N, C-alpha and C. Protein backbone atom coordinates (compact mmCIF):
# COMPACT_ATOMS: atom_id res chain seq x y z
N HIS A 1 0.78 -1.28 -0.09
CA HIS A 1 -0.03 -0.21 0.12
C HIS A 1 0.91 1.13 -0.19
N ARG A 2 0.76 1.93 -0.78
CA ARG A 2 1.27 3.17 -1.06
C ARG A 2 0.62 4.53 -0.81
N ASP A 3 1.15 5.33 0.07
CA ASP A 3 0.43 6.71 0.70
C ASP A 3 0.44 7.67 -0.71
N VAL A 4 -0.47 8.21 -0.81
CA VAL A 4 -0.92 9.18 -2.06
C VAL A 4 -0.69 10.40 -1.39
N PRO A 5 0.34 11.16 -1.71
CA PRO A 5 0.18 12.73 -1.28
C PRO A 5 -0.93 13.33 -1.62
N LEU A 6 -0.98 14.44 -0.29
CA LEU A 6 -2.20 15.31 -0.45
C LEU A 6 -1.89 16.44 -1.76
N GLN A 7 -2.85 16.80 -2.12
CA GLN A 7 -2.73 18.01 -3.36
C GLN A 7 -3.82 19.21 -3.12
N HIS A 8 -3.34 20.22 -3.33
CA HIS A 8 -4.09 21.46 -2.67
C HIS A 8 -4.94 21.81 -4.20
N ILE A 9 -6.31 21.85 -3.79
CA ILE A 9 -7.23 21.88 -4.83
C ILE A 9 -8.01 23.62 -4.46
N ASP A 10 -8.23 24.13 -5.58
CA ASP A 10 -8.71 25.22 -5.31
C ASP A 10 -10.20 25.02 -6.40
N LEU A 11 -11.37 25.42 -5.85
CA LEU A 11 -12.66 24.96 -6.60
C LEU A 11 -13.34 26.34 -5.94
N SER A 12 -13.53 27.27 -7.68
CA SER A 12 -14.25 28.37 -7.12
C SER A 12 -15.32 28.81 -8.04
N ILE A 13 -16.32 29.63 -8.18
CA ILE A 13 -17.37 29.77 -8.93
C ILE A 13 -17.09 31.44 -9.60
N TYR A 14 -17.22 31.65 -10.50
CA TYR A 14 -16.92 33.02 -11.43
C TYR A 14 -18.24 33.36 -12.00
N ASN A 15 -18.44 34.63 -12.00
CA ASN A 15 -19.73 35.35 -13.05
C ASN A 15 -19.50 35.33 -14.09
N ILE A 16 -20.07 36.01 -15.39
CA ILE A 16 -19.59 36.29 -16.49
C ILE A 16 -18.64 37.41 -16.93
N LEU A 17 -18.59 38.04 -15.80
CA LEU A 17 -17.64 39.29 -15.92
C LEU A 17 -16.08 38.78 -15.25
N GLY A 18 -15.88 37.37 -14.78
CA GLY A 18 -14.87 36.89 -14.34
C GLY A 18 -14.66 37.12 -13.04
N GLN A 19 -15.38 37.66 -12.09
CA GLN A 19 -15.42 38.03 -10.93
C GLN A 19 -15.71 36.58 -10.11
N LYS A 20 -15.05 36.59 -9.04
CA LYS A 20 -14.73 35.39 -8.43
C LYS A 20 -16.00 35.85 -7.27
N ILE A 21 -17.24 34.78 -6.96
CA ILE A 21 -18.19 35.03 -6.33
C ILE A 21 -18.34 34.07 -5.10
N LYS A 22 -17.60 32.81 -5.29
CA LYS A 22 -17.65 31.78 -4.07
C LYS A 22 -16.52 30.82 -4.16
N THR A 23 -15.63 30.57 -3.42
CA THR A 23 -14.91 29.81 -2.86
C THR A 23 -15.32 28.32 -2.57
N MET A 24 -15.61 27.45 -2.88
CA MET A 24 -16.20 25.98 -2.86
C MET A 24 -15.04 25.64 -2.01
N VAL A 25 -14.09 25.20 -2.47
CA VAL A 25 -12.79 24.37 -1.75
C VAL A 25 -11.71 24.73 -1.78
N ASN A 26 -10.79 25.27 -0.92
CA ASN A 26 -9.79 25.59 -1.17
C ASN A 26 -8.66 24.61 0.06
N THR A 27 -8.31 23.63 0.19
CA THR A 27 -7.62 22.63 0.94
C THR A 27 -6.92 21.90 0.37
N LYS A 28 -6.34 20.78 1.10
CA LYS A 28 -5.25 19.80 0.57
C LYS A 28 -6.28 18.48 0.38
N LEU A 29 -6.23 17.97 -0.25
CA LEU A 29 -7.36 16.41 -0.55
C LEU A 29 -6.43 15.23 -1.35
N GLN A 30 -6.76 14.07 -0.50
CA GLN A 30 -6.26 12.74 -1.45
C GLN A 30 -6.76 12.76 -2.78
N ALA A 31 -6.04 11.74 -3.60
CA ALA A 31 -6.76 11.86 -4.81
C ALA A 31 -7.74 10.91 -4.58
N GLY A 32 -8.81 11.24 -5.58
CA GLY A 32 -10.29 10.30 -5.61
C GLY A 32 -11.30 11.18 -6.12
N SER A 33 -12.48 10.66 -5.84
CA SER A 33 -13.58 11.63 -6.59
C SER A 33 -14.26 12.24 -5.39
N TYR A 34 -14.58 13.66 -5.69
CA TYR A 34 -15.22 14.53 -5.01
C TYR A 34 -16.58 15.13 -5.66
N SER A 35 -17.35 15.33 -4.98
CA SER A 35 -18.70 15.84 -5.19
C SER A 35 -19.18 17.19 -4.44
N TYR A 36 -19.14 18.12 -5.22
CA TYR A 36 -19.92 19.66 -4.24
C TYR A 36 -20.97 19.92 -4.95
N LYS A 37 -21.84 20.73 -4.06
CA LYS A 37 -23.08 21.31 -4.63
C LYS A 37 -23.03 22.65 -4.29
N TRP A 38 -23.11 23.51 -5.59
CA TRP A 38 -23.26 25.13 -5.11
C TRP A 38 -24.88 25.35 -5.19
N HIS A 39 -25.32 26.17 -4.13
CA HIS A 39 -26.61 26.62 -3.87
C HIS A 39 -27.15 27.98 -4.44
N GLY A 40 -25.98 28.53 -5.38
CA GLY A 40 -26.36 29.70 -5.82
C GLY A 40 -26.28 30.61 -5.24
N VAL A 41 -25.27 31.03 -4.00
CA VAL A 41 -24.80 31.86 -3.26
C VAL A 41 -23.82 32.39 -3.61
N ASN A 42 -23.45 33.85 -2.89
CA ASN A 42 -22.11 33.77 -2.96
C ASN A 42 -21.37 33.94 -1.66
N GLU A 43 -20.13 34.48 -1.43
CA GLU A 43 -19.50 34.32 -0.37
C GLU A 43 -20.52 34.83 0.99
N THR A 44 -21.14 35.58 0.80
CA THR A 44 -21.99 36.08 2.10
C THR A 44 -23.21 35.34 2.41
N GLY A 45 -23.42 34.33 1.23
CA GLY A 45 -24.65 33.71 1.56
C GLY A 45 -25.94 34.36 0.68
N ALA A 46 -25.74 35.31 0.02
CA ALA A 46 -26.76 35.92 -0.42
C ALA A 46 -27.09 35.20 -1.81
N ARG A 47 -28.27 35.19 -2.50
CA ARG A 47 -28.48 34.77 -3.57
C ARG A 47 -28.04 35.21 -4.96
N VAL A 48 -27.41 34.61 -5.86
CA VAL A 48 -27.25 35.55 -6.92
C VAL A 48 -28.11 35.11 -8.06
N PRO A 49 -28.21 36.24 -9.04
CA PRO A 49 -29.23 36.00 -10.32
C PRO A 49 -29.21 34.80 -11.06
N SER A 50 -30.04 34.29 -11.78
CA SER A 50 -30.17 33.21 -12.92
C SER A 50 -28.92 33.75 -13.74
N GLY A 51 -28.11 32.77 -14.18
CA GLY A 51 -27.34 33.18 -15.51
C GLY A 51 -26.38 32.52 -15.85
N ILE A 52 -25.20 32.85 -16.50
CA ILE A 52 -24.22 31.68 -16.76
C ILE A 52 -23.10 31.95 -16.03
N TYR A 53 -22.36 30.77 -15.28
CA TYR A 53 -21.51 31.19 -14.39
C TYR A 53 -20.45 30.32 -14.76
N PHE A 54 -19.34 30.39 -14.28
CA PHE A 54 -18.09 29.37 -14.33
C PHE A 54 -17.61 28.82 -13.29
N TYR A 55 -17.33 27.56 -13.25
CA TYR A 55 -16.33 27.08 -11.99
C TYR A 55 -15.09 26.66 -12.47
N ARG A 56 -14.34 27.05 -11.71
CA ARG A 56 -12.37 26.89 -12.05
C ARG A 56 -11.75 25.73 -11.08
N ILE A 57 -11.22 24.74 -11.52
CA ILE A 57 -10.74 23.87 -10.54
C ILE A 57 -8.99 24.23 -10.90
N ASP A 58 -8.34 24.54 -9.72
CA ASP A 58 -6.73 24.54 -10.04
C ASP A 58 -6.27 23.74 -8.96
N THR A 59 -5.23 22.83 -9.59
CA THR A 59 -4.28 22.18 -8.73
C THR A 59 -2.92 22.51 -9.23
N LYS A 60 -1.68 21.82 -8.57
CA LYS A 60 -0.65 22.36 -8.64
C LYS A 60 -0.32 22.07 -10.49
N ASP A 61 -0.55 20.92 -10.96
CA ASP A 61 -0.60 20.67 -12.43
C ASP A 61 -1.33 21.23 -13.30
N HIS A 62 -2.33 21.70 -12.92
CA HIS A 62 -4.05 21.70 -13.78
C HIS A 62 -4.59 22.54 -13.68
N THR A 63 -5.22 23.53 -14.68
CA THR A 63 -6.53 24.12 -14.56
C THR A 63 -7.69 23.95 -15.28
N ASP A 64 -8.66 23.76 -14.99
CA ASP A 64 -9.82 23.16 -15.62
C ASP A 64 -10.96 24.70 -15.57
N ILE A 65 -11.49 24.83 -16.59
CA ILE A 65 -12.60 25.85 -16.40
C ILE A 65 -13.83 25.14 -17.44
N LYS A 66 -14.95 25.19 -16.62
CA LYS A 66 -15.86 24.86 -17.19
C LYS A 66 -17.59 25.92 -16.93
N LYS A 67 -18.19 25.74 -18.15
CA LYS A 67 -19.31 26.48 -18.01
C LYS A 67 -20.67 26.28 -17.40
N MET A 68 -21.71 26.95 -16.56
CA MET A 68 -22.80 25.99 -16.36
C MET A 68 -23.58 27.20 -16.21
N VAL A 69 -24.83 26.87 -16.18
CA VAL A 69 -25.96 27.90 -16.13
C VAL A 69 -26.68 27.47 -14.81
N LEU A 70 -27.14 28.66 -14.18
CA LEU A 70 -28.03 28.53 -12.72
C LEU A 70 -29.35 28.87 -13.13
N VAL A 71 -30.38 28.32 -13.16
CA VAL A 71 -31.61 28.31 -13.37
C VAL A 71 -32.82 28.40 -12.51
N LYS A 72 -33.54 29.21 -11.80
CA LYS A 72 -33.91 29.67 -10.61
C LYS A 72 -35.58 29.29 -11.08
């Protein structure tokens, strides 16, 4: 059994203007599969309007950005 090192993960939500509105995860995690649910709120807990948003996942070696639509 080999220990897998922890890797720093930053998962954040951005609006259409590129402004960060919510940090979902900013910690070190073991390799694996994780699931997070965004409830359409910003950092202060205020609801954000329906529209197009982006989530960005950053690790030491990789960055991925995907589009999503929030419908209320």
